PDB file of N, CA and C in Angstrom:
ATOM      1  N   MET A   1     -28.258  33.779  -0.425  1.00  0.00           N
ATOM      2  CA  MET A   1     -26.820  33.798  -0.256  1.00  0.00           C
ATOM      3  C   MET A   1     -26.403  32.920   0.913  1.00  0.00           C
ATOM      4  N   LYS A   2     -27.153  33.001   2.011  1.00  0.00           N
ATOM      5  CA  LYS A   2     -26.847  32.199   3.194  1.00  0.00           C
ATOM      6  C   LYS A   2     -26.958  30.711   2.851  1.00  0.00           C
ATOM      7  N   PHE A   3     -27.979  30.329   2.086  1.00  0.00           N
ATOM      8  CA  PHE A   3     -28.184  28.949   1.685  1.00  0.00           C
ATOM      9  C   PHE A   3     -27.000  28.433   0.852  1.00  0.00           C
ATOM     10  N   VAL A   4     -26.531  29.239  -0.089  1.00  0.00           N
ATOM     11  CA  VAL A   4     -25.384  28.875  -0.933  1.00  0.00           C
ATOM     12  C   VAL A   4     -24.138  28.675  -0.073  1.00  0.00           C
ATOM     13  N   SER A   5     -23.927  29.525   0.909  1.00  0.00           N
ATOM     14  CA  SER A   5     -22.780  29.406   1.802  1.00  0.00           C
ATOM     15  C   SER A   5     -22.830  28.098   2.585  1.00  0.00           C
ATOM     16  N   ILE A   6     -24.005  27.731   3.050  1.00  0.00           N
ATOM     17  CA  ILE A   6     -24.157  26.475   3.797  1.00  0.00           C
ATOM     18  C   ILE A   6     -23.859  25.287   2.893  1.00  0.00           C
ATOM     19  N   ILE A   7     -24.350  25.320   1.673  1.00  0.00           N
ATOM     20  CA  ILE A   7     -24.086  24.238   0.714  1.00  0.00           C
ATOM     21  C   ILE A   7     -22.584  24.108   0.466  1.00  0.00           C
ATOM     22  N   ILE A   8     -21.907  25.208   0.272  1.00  0.00           N
ATOM     23  CA  ILE A   8     -20.459  25.187   0.022  1.00  0.00           C
ATOM     24  C   ILE A   8     -19.729  24.607   1.220  1.00  0.00           C
ATOM     25  N   ILE A   9     -20.090  24.998   2.418  1.00  0.00           N
ATOM     26  CA  ILE A   9     -19.443  24.474   3.620  1.00  0.00           C
ATOM     27  C   ILE A   9     -19.667  22.970   3.737  1.00  0.00           C
ATOM     28  N   VAL A  10     -20.877  22.511   3.474  1.00  0.00           N
ATOM     29  CA  VAL A  10     -21.176  21.077   3.526  1.00  0.00           C
ATOM     30  C   VAL A  10     -20.343  20.320   2.497  1.00  0.00           C
ATOM     31  N   LEU A  11     -20.268  20.817   1.284  1.00  0.00           N
ATOM     32  CA  LEU A  11     -19.488  20.156   0.237  1.00  0.00           C
ATOM     33  C   LEU A  11     -18.010  20.120   0.575  1.00  0.00           C
ATOM     34  N   LEU A  12     -17.467  21.197   1.112  1.00  0.00           N
ATOM     35  CA  LEU A  12     -16.059  21.214   1.514  1.00  0.00           C
ATOM     36  C   LEU A  12     -15.795  20.230   2.634  1.00  0.00           C
ATOM     37  N   THR A  13     -16.701  20.135   3.589  1.00  0.00           N
ATOM     38  CA  THR A  13     -16.565  19.187   4.686  1.00  0.00           C
ATOM     39  C   THR A  13     -16.582  17.759   4.160  1.00  0.00           C
ATOM     40  N   MET A  14     -17.469  17.464   3.218  1.00  0.00           N
ATOM     41  CA  MET A  14     -17.523  16.124   2.633  1.00  0.00           C
ATOM     42  C   MET A  14     -16.226  15.808   1.919  1.00  0.00           C
ATOM     43  N   ASN A  15     -15.681  16.754   1.187  1.00  0.00           N
ATOM     44  CA  ASN A  15     -14.433  16.548   0.462  1.00  0.00           C
ATOM     45  C   ASN A  15     -13.291  16.237   1.427  1.00  0.00           C
ATOM     46  N   VAL A  16     -13.218  16.944   2.538  1.00  0.00           N
ATOM     47  CA  VAL A  16     -12.159  16.697   3.520  1.00  0.00           C
ATOM     48  C   VAL A  16     -12.310  15.312   4.114  1.00  0.00           C
ATOM     49  N   SER A  17     -13.528  14.889   4.437  1.00  0.00           N
ATOM     50  CA  SER A  17     -13.703  13.577   5.049  1.00  0.00           C
ATOM     51  C   SER A  17     -13.369  12.460   4.058  1.00  0.00           C
ATOM     52  N   PHE A  18     -13.710  12.628   2.779  1.00  0.00           N
ATOM     53  CA  PHE A  18     -13.350  11.611   1.800  1.00  0.00           C
ATOM     54  C   PHE A  18     -11.839  11.527   1.642  1.00  0.00           C
ATOM     55  N   ALA A  19     -11.167  12.657   1.627  1.00  0.00           N
ATOM     56  CA  ALA A  19      -9.718  12.667   1.451  1.00  0.00           C
ATOM     57  C   ALA A  19      -9.010  12.034   2.631  1.00  0.00           C
ATOM     58  N   SER A  20      -9.616  12.086   3.826  1.00  0.00           N
ATOM     59  CA  SER A  20      -8.944  11.553   4.999  1.00  0.00           C
ATOM     60  C   SER A  20      -9.219  10.073   5.231  1.00  0.00           C
ATOM     61  N   GLU A  21      -9.990   9.421   4.352  1.00  0.00           N
ATOM     62  CA  GLU A  21     -10.302   8.010   4.543  1.00  0.00           C
ATOM     63  C   GLU A  21      -9.086   7.117   4.377  1.00  0.00           C
ATOM     64  N   GLY A  22      -8.133   7.477   3.533  1.00  0.00           N
ATOM     65  CA  GLY A  22      -6.991   6.619   3.293  1.00  0.00           C
ATOM     66  C   GLY A  22      -5.697   7.274   3.701  1.00  0.00           C
ATOM     67  N   ILE A  23      -4.691   6.427   3.926  1.00  0.00           N
ATOM     68  CA  ILE A  23      -3.346   6.914   4.182  1.00  0.00           C
ATOM     69  C   ILE A  23      -2.676   7.042   2.828  1.00  0.00           C
ATOM     70  N   SER A  24      -2.077   8.172   2.552  1.00  0.00           N
ATOM     71  CA  SER A  24      -1.400   8.373   1.283  1.00  0.00           C
ATOM     72  C   SER A  24       0.025   8.809   1.550  1.00  0.00           C
ATOM     73  N   SER A  25       0.935   8.429   0.674  1.00  0.00           N
ATOM     74  CA  SER A  25       2.351   8.717   0.902  1.00  0.00           C
ATOM     75  C   SER A  25       2.972   9.461  -0.263  1.00  0.00           C
ATOM     76  N   ASP A  26       2.326  10.505  -0.718  1.00  0.00           N
ATOM     77  CA  ASP A  26       2.872  11.248  -1.848  1.00  0.00           C
ATOM     78  C   ASP A  26       4.201  11.911  -1.517  1.00  0.00           C
ATOM     79  N   SER A  27       4.328  12.490  -0.325  1.00  0.00           N
ATOM     80  CA  SER A  27       5.562  13.212   0.011  1.00  0.00           C
ATOM     81  C   SER A  27       6.555  12.351   0.768  1.00  0.00           C
ATOM     82  N   ASN A  28       6.076  11.478   1.650  1.00  0.00           N
ATOM     83  CA  ASN A  28       6.966  10.612   2.426  1.00  0.00           C
ATOM     84  C   ASN A  28       6.732   9.159   2.037  1.00  0.00           C
ATOM     85  N   PRO A  29       7.746   8.492   1.526  1.00  0.00           N
ATOM     86  CA  PRO A  29       7.562   7.095   1.123  1.00  0.00           C
ATOM     87  C   PRO A  29       7.235   6.203   2.315  1.00  0.00           C
ATOM     88  N   MET A  30       6.461   5.176   2.051  1.00  0.00           N
ATOM     89  CA  MET A  30       6.188   4.144   3.046  1.00  0.00           C
ATOM     90  C   MET A  30       7.292   3.106   2.945  1.00  0.00           C
ATOM     91  N   GLN A  31       7.540   2.417   4.048  1.00  0.00           N
ATOM     92  CA  GLN A  31       8.548   1.368   4.089  1.00  0.00           C
ATOM     93  C   GLN A  31       7.912   0.106   4.631  1.00  0.00           C
ATOM     94  N   GLY A  32       8.308  -1.018   4.075  1.00  0.00           N
ATOM     95  CA  GLY A  32       7.738  -2.261   4.551  1.00  0.00           C
ATOM     96  C   GLY A  32       8.447  -3.473   3.984  1.00  0.00           C
ATOM     97  N   MET A  33       7.832  -4.614   4.236  1.00  0.00           N
ATOM     98  CA  MET A  33       8.348  -5.881   3.745  1.00  0.00           C
ATOM     99  C   MET A  33       7.328  -6.439   2.760  1.00  0.00           C
ATOM    100  N   TYR A  34       7.781  -6.669   1.526  1.00  0.00           N
ATOM    101  CA  TYR A  34       6.910  -7.155   0.459  1.00  0.00           C
ATOM    102  C   TYR A  34       7.070  -8.661   0.332  1.00  0.00           C
ATOM    103  N   THR A  35       5.941  -9.365   0.209  1.00  0.00           N
ATOM    104  CA  THR A  35       5.943 -10.818   0.039  1.00  0.00           C
ATOM    105  C   THR A  35       5.108 -11.170  -1.178  1.00  0.00           C
ATOM    106  N   TRP A  36       5.636 -12.082  -1.989  1.00  0.00           N
ATOM    107  CA  TRP A  36       4.919 -12.528  -3.171  1.00  0.00           C
ATOM    108  C   TRP A  36       5.072 -14.033  -3.326  1.00  0.00           C
ATOM    109  N   GLY A  37       4.017 -14.677  -3.762  1.00  0.00           N
ATOM    110  CA  GLY A  37       3.990 -16.109  -4.040  1.00  0.00           C
ATOM    111  C   GLY A  37       2.574 -16.470  -4.438  1.00  0.00           C
ATOM    112  N   GLU A  38       2.320 -17.745  -4.667  1.00  0.00           N
ATOM    113  CA  GLU A  38       0.980 -18.164  -5.072  1.00  0.00           C
ATOM    114  C   GLU A  38      -0.020 -17.813  -3.970  1.00  0.00           C
ATOM    115  N   GLY A  39      -0.990 -16.972  -4.295  1.00  0.00           N
ATOM    116  CA  GLY A  39      -2.005 -16.562  -3.335  1.00  0.00           C
ATOM    117  C   GLY A  39      -1.550 -15.518  -2.335  1.00  0.00           C
ATOM    118  N   VAL A  40      -0.346 -14.975  -2.508  1.00  0.00           N
ATOM    119  CA  VAL A  40       0.175 -13.958  -1.590  1.00  0.00           C
ATOM    120  C   VAL A  40       0.751 -12.804  -2.398  1.00  0.00           C
ATOM    121  N   ASN A  41       0.308 -11.605  -2.074  1.00  0.00           N
ATOM    122  CA  ASN A  41       0.805 -10.382  -2.700  1.00  0.00           C
ATOM    123  C   ASN A  41       0.582  -9.288  -1.666  1.00  0.00           C
ATOM    124  N   SER A  42       1.538  -9.169  -0.714  1.00  0.00           N
ATOM    125  CA  SER A  42       1.275  -8.343   0.458  1.00  0.00           C
ATOM    126  C   SER A  42       2.465  -7.476   0.847  1.00  0.00           C
ATOM    127  N   VAL A  43       2.164  -6.451   1.643  1.00  0.00           N
ATOM    128  CA  VAL A  43       3.184  -5.584   2.200  1.00  0.00           C
ATOM    129  C   VAL A  43       2.871  -5.390   3.684  1.00  0.00           C
ATOM    130  N   ARG A  44       3.886  -5.596   4.531  1.00  0.00           N
ATOM    131  CA  ARG A  44       3.790  -5.377   5.969  1.00  0.00           C
ATOM    132  C   ARG A  44       4.569  -4.116   6.276  1.00  0.00           C
ATOM    133  N   LEU A  45       3.882  -3.077   6.729  1.00  0.00           N
ATOM    134  CA  LEU A  45       4.534  -1.800   6.979  1.00  0.00           C
ATOM    135  C   LEU A  45       5.483  -1.885   8.171  1.00  0.00           C
ATOM    136  N   CYS A  46       6.652  -1.267   8.038  1.00  0.00           N
ATOM    137  CA  CYS A  46       7.632  -1.235   9.119  1.00  0.00           C
ATOM    138  C   CYS A  46       7.035  -0.521  10.328  1.00  0.00           C
ATOM    139  N   GLY A  47       7.235  -1.092  11.492  1.00  0.00           N
ATOM    140  CA  GLY A  47       6.801  -0.471  12.727  1.00  0.00           C
ATOM    141  C   GLY A  47       5.320  -0.530  13.007  1.00  0.00           C
ATOM    142  N   ALA A  48       4.529  -1.065  12.097  1.00  0.00           N
ATOM    143  CA  ALA A  48       3.077  -1.048  12.276  1.00  0.00           C
ATOM    144  C   ALA A  48       2.514  -2.421  12.630  1.00  0.00           C
ATOM    145  N   GLY A  49       3.159  -3.484  12.179  1.00  0.00           N
ATOM    146  CA  GLY A  49       2.628  -4.822  12.413  1.00  0.00           C
ATOM    147  C   GLY A  49       1.333  -5.088  11.670  1.00  0.00           C
ATOM    148  N   ILE A  50       1.059  -4.294  10.652  1.00  0.00           N
ATOM    149  CA  ILE A  50      -0.163  -4.434   9.857  1.00  0.00           C
ATOM    150  C   ILE A  50       0.240  -4.873   8.450  1.00  0.00           C
ATOM    151  N   THR A  51      -0.470  -5.856   7.920  1.00  0.00           N
ATOM    152  CA  THR A  51      -0.160  -6.378   6.593  1.00  0.00           C
ATOM    153  C   THR A  51      -1.332  -6.121   5.652  1.00  0.00           C
ATOM    154  N   TYR A  52      -1.004  -5.567   4.494  1.00  0.00           N
ATOM    155  CA  TYR A  52      -2.016  -5.209   3.497  1.00  0.00           C
ATOM    156  C   TYR A  52      -1.847  -6.044   2.242  1.00  0.00           C
ATOM    157  N   TRP A  53      -2.968  -6.362   1.610  1.00  0.00           N
ATOM    158  CA  TRP A  53      -2.950  -6.943   0.275  1.00  0.00           C
ATOM    159  C   TRP A  53      -2.526  -5.834  -0.679  1.00  0.00           C
ATOM    160  N   VAL A  54      -1.733  -6.167  -1.676  1.00  0.00           N
ATOM    161  CA  VAL A  54      -1.210  -5.165  -2.608  1.00  0.00           C
ATOM    162  C   VAL A  54      -2.051  -5.111  -3.869  1.00  0.00           C
ATOM    163  N   SER A  55      -2.364  -3.892  -4.263  1.00  0.00           N
ATOM    164  CA  SER A  55      -3.010  -3.593  -5.534  1.00  0.00           C
ATOM    165  C   SER A  55      -2.047  -2.688  -6.299  1.00  0.00           C
ATOM    166  N   ALA A  56      -1.879  -2.941  -7.582  1.00  0.00           N
ATOM    167  CA  ALA A  56      -0.987  -2.112  -8.405  1.00  0.00           C
ATOM    168  C   ALA A  56      -1.369  -2.281  -9.865  1.00  0.00           C
ATOM    169  N   ASN A  57      -0.963  -1.313 -10.702  1.00  0.00           N
ATOM    170  CA  ASN A  57      -1.224  -1.483 -12.128  1.00  0.00           C
ATOM    171  C   ASN A  57      -0.335  -2.608 -12.662  1.00  0.00           C
ATOM    172  N   VAL A  58      -0.595  -3.046 -13.865  1.00  0.00           N
ATOM    173  CA  VAL A  58       0.077  -4.214 -14.438  1.00  0.00           C
ATOM    174  C   VAL A  58       1.596  -4.045 -14.463  1.00  0.00           C
ATOM    175  N   ASN A  59       2.091  -2.881 -14.869  1.00  0.00           N
ATOM    176  CA  ASN A  59       3.537  -2.661 -14.956  1.00  0.00           C
ATOM    177  C   ASN A  59       4.204  -2.693 -13.590  1.00  0.00           C
ATOM    178  N   ILE A  60       3.596  -2.051 -12.610  1.00  0.00           N
ATOM    179  CA  ILE A  60       4.167  -2.051 -11.258  1.00  0.00           C
ATOM    180  C   ILE A  60       4.110  -3.454 -10.665  1.00  0.00           C
ATOM    181  N   GLN A  61       3.007  -4.165 -10.866  1.00  0.00           N
ATOM    182  CA  GLN A  61       2.894  -5.519 -10.333  1.00  0.00           C
ATOM    183  C   GLN A  61       3.950  -6.442 -10.936  1.00  0.00           C
ATOM    184  N   LYS A  62       4.191  -6.329 -12.237  1.00  0.00           N
ATOM    185  CA  LYS A  62       5.221  -7.149 -12.888  1.00  0.00           C
ATOM    186  C   LYS A  62       6.594  -6.808 -12.323  1.00  0.00           C
ATOM    187  N   ASN A  63       6.861  -5.532 -12.120  1.00  0.00           N
ATOM    188  CA  ASN A  63       8.129  -5.095 -11.544  1.00  0.00           C
ATOM    189  C   ASN A  63       8.293  -5.657 -10.133  1.00  0.00           C
ATOM    190  N   LEU A  64       7.241  -5.619  -9.325  1.00  0.00           N
ATOM    191  CA  LEU A  64       7.293  -6.173  -7.966  1.00  0.00           C
ATOM    192  C   LEU A  64       7.634  -7.662  -8.004  1.00  0.00           C
ATOM    193  N   GLN A  65       6.939  -8.415  -8.841  1.00  0.00           N
ATOM    194  CA  GLN A  65       7.161  -9.857  -8.923  1.00  0.00           C
ATOM    195  C   GLN A  65       8.553 -10.189  -9.461  1.00  0.00           C
ATOM    196  N   ASP A  66       8.979  -9.496 -10.505  1.00  0.00           N
ATOM    197  CA  ASP A  66      10.299  -9.754 -11.088  1.00  0.00           C
ATOM    198  C   ASP A  66      11.412  -9.458 -10.087  1.00  0.00           C
ATOM    199  N   LYS A  67      11.307  -8.328  -9.415  1.00  0.00           N
ATOM    200  CA  LYS A  67      12.336  -7.947  -8.444  1.00  0.00           C
ATOM    201  C   LYS A  67      12.341  -8.908  -7.259  1.00  0.00           C
ATOM    202  N   HIS A  68      11.158  -9.293  -6.794  1.00  0.00           N
ATOM    203  CA  HIS A  68      11.066 -10.264  -5.694  1.00  0.00           C
ATOM    204  C   HIS A  68      11.746 -11.570  -6.089  1.00  0.00           C
ATOM    205  N   SER A  69      11.446 -12.044  -7.291  1.00  0.00           N
ATOM    206  CA  SER A  69      12.035 -13.303  -7.765  1.00  0.00           C
ATOM    207  C   SER A  69      13.547 -13.218  -7.885  1.00  0.00           C
ATOM    208  N   SER A  70      14.068 -12.062  -8.289  1.00  0.00           N
ATOM    209  CA  SER A  70      15.525 -11.928  -8.447  1.00  0.00           C
ATOM    210  C   SER A  70      16.248 -11.808  -7.097  1.00  0.00           C
ATOM    211  N   LEU A  71      15.540 -11.372  -6.058  1.00  0.00           N
ATOM    212  CA  LEU A  71      16.170 -11.185  -4.741  1.00  0.00           C
ATOM    213  C   LEU A  71      16.001 -12.370  -3.795  1.00  0.00           C
ATOM    214  N   THR A  72      15.093 -13.287  -4.121  1.00  0.00           N
ATOM    215  CA  THR A  72      14.813 -14.403  -3.223  1.00  0.00           C
ATOM    216  C   THR A  72      15.087 -15.733  -3.896  1.00  0.00           C
ATOM    217  N   LYS A  73      15.215 -16.764  -3.072  1.00  0.00           N
ATOM    218  CA  LYS A  73      15.453 -18.100  -3.605  1.00  0.00           C
ATOM    219  C   LYS A  73      14.159 -18.892  -3.735  1.00  0.00           C
ATOM    220  N   LYS A  74      13.125 -18.450  -3.024  1.00  0.00           N
ATOM    221  CA  LYS A  74      11.844 -19.151  -3.081  1.00  0.00           C
ATOM    222  C   LYS A  74      10.717 -18.162  -2.815  1.00  0.00           C
ATOM    223  N   PRO A  75       9.497 -18.546  -3.196  1.00  0.00           N
ATOM    224  CA  PRO A  75       8.346 -17.662  -2.932  1.00  0.00           C
ATOM    225  C   PRO A  75       8.153 -17.455  -1.430  1.00  0.00           C
ATOM    226  N   TYR A  76       7.436 -16.438  -1.083  1.00  0.00           N
ATOM    227  CA  TYR A  76       7.028 -16.116   0.285  1.00  0.00           C
ATOM    228  C   TYR A  76       8.136 -15.537   1.165  1.00  0.00           C
ATOM    229  N   GLU A  77       9.314 -15.324   0.629  1.00  0.00           N
ATOM    230  CA  GLU A  77      10.348 -14.623   1.387  1.00  0.00           C
ATOM    231  C   GLU A  77      10.060 -13.133   1.318  1.00  0.00           C
ATOM    232  N   GLU A  78      10.345 -12.420   2.407  1.00  0.00           N
ATOM    233  CA  GLU A  78      10.121 -10.986   2.432  1.00  0.00           C
ATOM    234  C   GLU A  78      11.316 -10.239   1.856  1.00  0.00           C
ATOM    235  N   VAL A  79      11.025  -9.153   1.145  1.00  0.00           N
ATOM    236  CA  VAL A  79      12.052  -8.221   0.688  1.00  0.00           C
ATOM    237  C   VAL A  79      11.654  -6.824   1.157  1.00  0.00           C
ATOM    238  N   TYR A  80      12.627  -5.985   1.372  1.00  0.00           N
ATOM    239  CA  TYR A  80      12.385  -4.612   1.824  1.00  0.00           C
ATOM    240  C   TYR A  80      11.901  -3.766   0.654  1.00  0.00           C
ATOM    241  N   ILE A  81      10.917  -2.899   0.922  1.00  0.00           N
ATOM    242  CA  ILE A  81      10.381  -2.033  -0.123  1.00  0.00           C
ATOM    243  C   ILE A  81      10.126  -0.626   0.422  1.00  0.00           C
ATOM    244  N   GLU A  82      10.447   0.360  -0.387  1.00  0.00           N
ATOM    245  CA  GLU A  82      10.030   1.743  -0.144  1.00  0.00           C
ATOM    246  C   GLU A  82       9.157   2.121  -1.331  1.00  0.00           C
ATOM    247  N   PHE A  83       8.019   2.730  -1.047  1.00  0.00           N
ATOM    248  CA  PHE A  83       7.058   3.002  -2.111  1.00  0.00           C
ATOM    249  C   PHE A  83       6.155   4.168  -1.757  1.00  0.00           C
ATOM    250  N   GLN A  84       5.493   4.671  -2.788  1.00  0.00           N
ATOM    251  CA  GLN A  84       4.408   5.624  -2.606  1.00  0.00           C
ATOM    252  C   GLN A  84       3.120   4.870  -2.866  1.00  0.00           C
ATOM    253  N   GLY A  85       2.170   5.058  -1.987  1.00  0.00           N
ATOM    254  CA  GLY A  85       0.923   4.328  -2.144  1.00  0.00           C
ATOM    255  C   GLY A  85      -0.198   4.946  -1.339  1.00  0.00           C
ATOM    256  N   THR A  86      -1.354   4.311  -1.447  1.00  0.00           N
ATOM    257  CA  THR A  86      -2.543   4.770  -0.755  1.00  0.00           C
ATOM    258  C   THR A  86      -3.280   3.579  -0.180  1.00  0.00           C
ATOM    259  N   LEU A  87      -3.694   3.703   1.062  1.00  0.00           N
ATOM    260  CA  LEU A  87      -4.539   2.698   1.683  1.00  0.00           C
ATOM    261  C   LEU A  87      -5.958   2.920   1.191  1.00  0.00           C
ATOM    262  N   LEU A  88      -6.525   1.891   0.550  1.00  0.00           N
ATOM    263  CA  LEU A  88      -7.862   2.006  -0.027  1.00  0.00           C
ATOM    264  C   LEU A  88      -8.915   1.440   0.914  1.00  0.00           C
ATOM    265  N   ASP A  89     -10.057   2.053   0.913  1.00  0.00           N
ATOM    266  CA  ASP A  89     -11.182   1.601   1.725  1.00  0.00           C
ATOM    267  C   ASP A  89     -12.135   0.827   0.824  1.00  0.00           C
ATOM    268  N   GLU A  90     -11.782  -0.428   0.546  1.00  0.00           N
ATOM    269  CA  GLU A  90     -12.588  -1.270  -0.331  1.00  0.00           C
ATOM    270  C   GLU A  90     -12.790  -2.628   0.322  1.00  0.00           C
ATOM    271  N   GLU A  91     -13.904  -3.262   0.000  1.00  0.00           N
ATOM    272  CA  GLU A  91     -14.168  -4.601   0.510  1.00  0.00           C
ATOM    273  C   GLU A  91     -13.211  -5.585  -0.160  1.00  0.00           C
ATOM    274  N   LEU A  92     -12.683  -6.518   0.629  1.00  0.00           N
ATOM    275  CA  LEU A  92     -11.709  -7.476   0.122  1.00  0.00           C
ATOM    276  C   LEU A  92     -12.352  -8.846  -0.074  1.00  0.00           C
ATOM    277  N   PHE A  93     -11.927  -9.533  -1.133  1.00  0.00           N
ATOM    278  CA  PHE A  93     -12.450 -10.842  -1.466  1.00  0.00           C
ATOM    279  C   PHE A  93     -11.297 -11.807  -1.683  1.00  0.00           C
ATOM    280  N   GLY A  94     -11.577 -13.098  -1.646  1.00  0.00           N
ATOM    281  CA  GLY A  94     -10.574 -14.118  -1.932  1.00  0.00           C
ATOM    282  C   GLY A  94      -9.427 -14.062  -0.950  1.00  0.00           C
ATOM    283  N   PHE A  95      -8.206 -14.281  -1.449  1.00  0.00           N
ATOM    284  CA  PHE A  95      -7.018 -14.252  -0.595  1.00  0.00           C
ATOM    285  C   PHE A  95      -6.884 -12.916   0.134  1.00  0.00           C
ATOM    286  N   ALA A  96      -7.267 -11.837  -0.525  1.00  0.00           N
ATOM    287  CA  ALA A  96      -7.125 -10.495   0.039  1.00  0.00           C
ATOM    288  C   ALA A  96      -7.934 -10.319   1.321  1.00  0.00           C
ATOM    289  N   ALA A  97      -9.012 -11.083   1.482  1.00  0.00           N
ATOM    290  CA  ALA A  97      -9.876 -10.950   2.659  1.00  0.00           C
ATOM    291  C   ALA A  97      -9.156 -11.325   3.955  1.00  0.00           C
ATOM    292  N   ASN A  98      -8.024 -12.009   3.862  1.00  0.00           N
ATOM    293  CA  ASN A  98      -7.267 -12.416   5.052  1.00  0.00           C
ATOM    294  C   ASN A  98      -6.323 -11.330   5.558  1.00  0.00           C
ATOM    295  N   TYR A  99      -6.344 -10.159   4.952  1.00  0.00           N
ATOM    296  CA  TYR A  99      -5.398  -9.095   5.308  1.00  0.00           C
ATOM    297  C   TYR A  99      -6.118  -7.918   5.968  1.00  0.00           C
ATOM    298  N   ASP A 100      -5.318  -6.996   6.504  1.00  0.00           N
ATOM    299  CA  ASP A 100      -5.851  -5.858   7.251  1.00  0.00           C
ATOM    300  C   ASP A 100      -6.444  -4.775   6.360  1.00  0.00           C
ATOM    301  N   GLY A 101      -6.211  -4.835   5.070  1.00  0.00           N
ATOM    302  CA  GLY A 101      -6.721  -3.824   4.156  1.00  0.00           C
ATOM    303  C   GLY A 101      -6.074  -3.959   2.794  1.00  0.00           C
ATOM    304  N   LEU A 102      -6.280  -2.942   1.973  1.00  0.00           N
ATOM    305  CA  LEU A 102      -5.787  -2.938   0.597  1.00  0.00           C
ATOM    306  C   LEU A 102      -4.883  -1.729   0.373  1.00  0.00           C
ATOM    307  N   MET A 103      -3.649  -1.991  -0.018  1.00  0.00           N
ATOM    308  CA  MET A 103      -2.681  -0.925  -0.279  1.00  0.00           C
ATOM    309  C   MET A 103      -2.443  -0.833  -1.784  1.00  0.00           C
ATOM    310  N   ARG A 104      -2.708   0.328  -2.344  1.00  0.00           N
ATOM    311  CA  ARG A 104      -2.457   0.569  -3.766  1.00  0.00           C
ATOM    312  C   ARG A 104      -1.058   1.158  -3.902  1.00  0.00           C
ATOM    313  N   ILE A 105      -0.129   0.404  -4.482  1.00  0.00           N
ATOM    314  CA  ILE A 105       1.233   0.892  -4.712  1.00  0.00           C
ATOM    315  C   ILE A 105       1.243   1.626  -6.048  1.00  0.00           C
ATOM    316  N   ARG A 106       1.595   2.914  -5.998  1.00  0.00           N
ATOM    317  CA  ARG A 106       1.612   3.747  -7.196  1.00  0.00           C
ATOM    318  C   ARG A 106       3.011   3.938  -7.755  1.00  0.00           C
ATOM    319  N   LYS A 107       4.026   3.864  -6.888  1.00  0.00           N
ATOM    320  CA  LYS A 107       5.399   4.065  -7.348  1.00  0.00           C
ATOM    321  C   LYS A 107       6.342   3.294  -6.439  1.00  0.00           C
ATOM    322  N   ILE A 108       7.236   2.525  -7.051  1.00  0.00           N
ATOM    323  CA  ILE A 108       8.263   1.806  -6.306  1.00  0.00           C
ATOM    324  C   ILE A 108       9.506   2.682  -6.271  1.00  0.00           C
ATOM    325  N   ILE A 109      10.015   2.915  -5.084  1.00  0.00           N
ATOM    326  CA  ILE A 109      11.235   3.703  -4.935  1.00  0.00           C
ATOM    327  C   ILE A 109      12.440   2.772  -4.795  1.00  0.00           C
ATOM    328  N   LEU A 110      12.293   1.710  -4.010  1.00  0.00           N
ATOM    329  CA  LEU A 110      13.392   0.787  -3.755  1.00  0.00           C
ATOM    330  C   LEU A 110      12.836  -0.574  -3.375  1.00  0.00           C
ATOM    331  N   ILE A 111      13.430  -1.619  -3.919  1.00  0.00           N
ATOM    332  CA  ILE A 111      13.179  -2.985  -3.468  1.00  0.00           C
ATOM    333  C   ILE A 111      14.552  -3.626  -3.318  1.00  0.00           C
ATOM    334  N   ASP A 112      14.809  -4.218  -2.148  1.00  0.00           N
ATOM    335  CA  ASP A 112      16.122  -4.801  -1.889  1.00  0.00           C
ATOM    336  C   ASP A 112      15.996  -5.846  -0.791  1.00  0.00           C
ATOM    337  N   LYS A 113      17.069  -6.592  -0.583  1.00  0.00           N
ATOM    338  CA  LYS A 113      17.113  -7.511   0.549  1.00  0.00           C
ATOM    339  C   LYS A 113      17.128  -6.694   1.828  1.00  0.00           C
ATOM    340  N   LEU A 114      16.551  -7.255   2.857  1.00  0.00           N
ATOM    341  CA  LEU A 114      16.486  -6.570   4.144  1.00  0.00           C
ATOM    342  C   LEU A 114      17.861  -6.510   4.790  1.00  0.00           C
ATOM    343  N   LYS A 115      18.202  -5.327   5.278  1.00  0.00           N
ATOM    344  CA  LYS A 115      19.437  -5.147   6.019  1.00  0.00           C
ATOM    345  C   LYS A 115      19.084  -5.056   7.501  1.00  0.00           C
ATOM    346  N   PRO A 116      19.941  -5.540   8.405  1.00  0.00           N
ATOM    347  CA  PRO A 116      19.630  -5.509   9.843  1.00  0.00           C
ATOM    348  C   PRO A 116      19.235  -4.101  10.300  1.00  0.00           C
ATOM    349  N   GLY A 117      18.142  -4.019  11.060  1.00  0.00           N
ATOM    350  CA  GLY A 117      17.660  -2.752  11.600  1.00  0.00           C
ATOM    351  C   GLY A 117      16.923  -1.883  10.605  1.00  0.00           C
ATOM    352  N   GLN A 118      16.737  -2.349   9.381  1.00  0.00           N
ATOM    353  CA  GLN A 118      16.124  -1.521   8.340  1.00  0.00           C
ATOM    354  C   GLN A 118      14.608  -1.391   8.486  1.00  0.00           C
ATOM    355  N   CYS A 119      13.960  -2.421   8.980  1.00  0.00           N
ATOM    356  CA  CYS A 119      12.500  -2.392   9.090  1.00  0.00           C
ATOM    357  C   CYS A 119      12.103  -2.990  10.430  1.00  0.00           C
ATOM    358  N   GLU A 120      11.922  -2.143  11.402  1.00  0.00           N
ATOM    359  CA  GLU A 120      11.570  -2.594  12.762  1.00  0.00           C
ATOM    360  C   GLU A 120      10.074  -2.641  12.929  1.00  0.00           C
TER     361      GLU A 120
END
């Protein structure tokens, strides 16, 4: 019985450490500046000064690109975004290797032009 209890405690501890590896925003949306263009697909979180390469499913990625294109006059301009996502702990390759990490966007709440004071 004691052995089983130790195994359960070890497994629970492992589960907690795996869950804490990434930042997740299920309850509180993240805010940032989204940039898209050839070789660029990134989000810079407000107040953090950290820029992440964006990962998203096909539908969300198309929505991000379409909305970015409709709000900007040229590629590489930043637009304001509120989203739910998770910071992933994965090795980055190619263009993504130049960023601070990988952000998986799961839900877009708002994409709009930046308003003064909106993203410090």
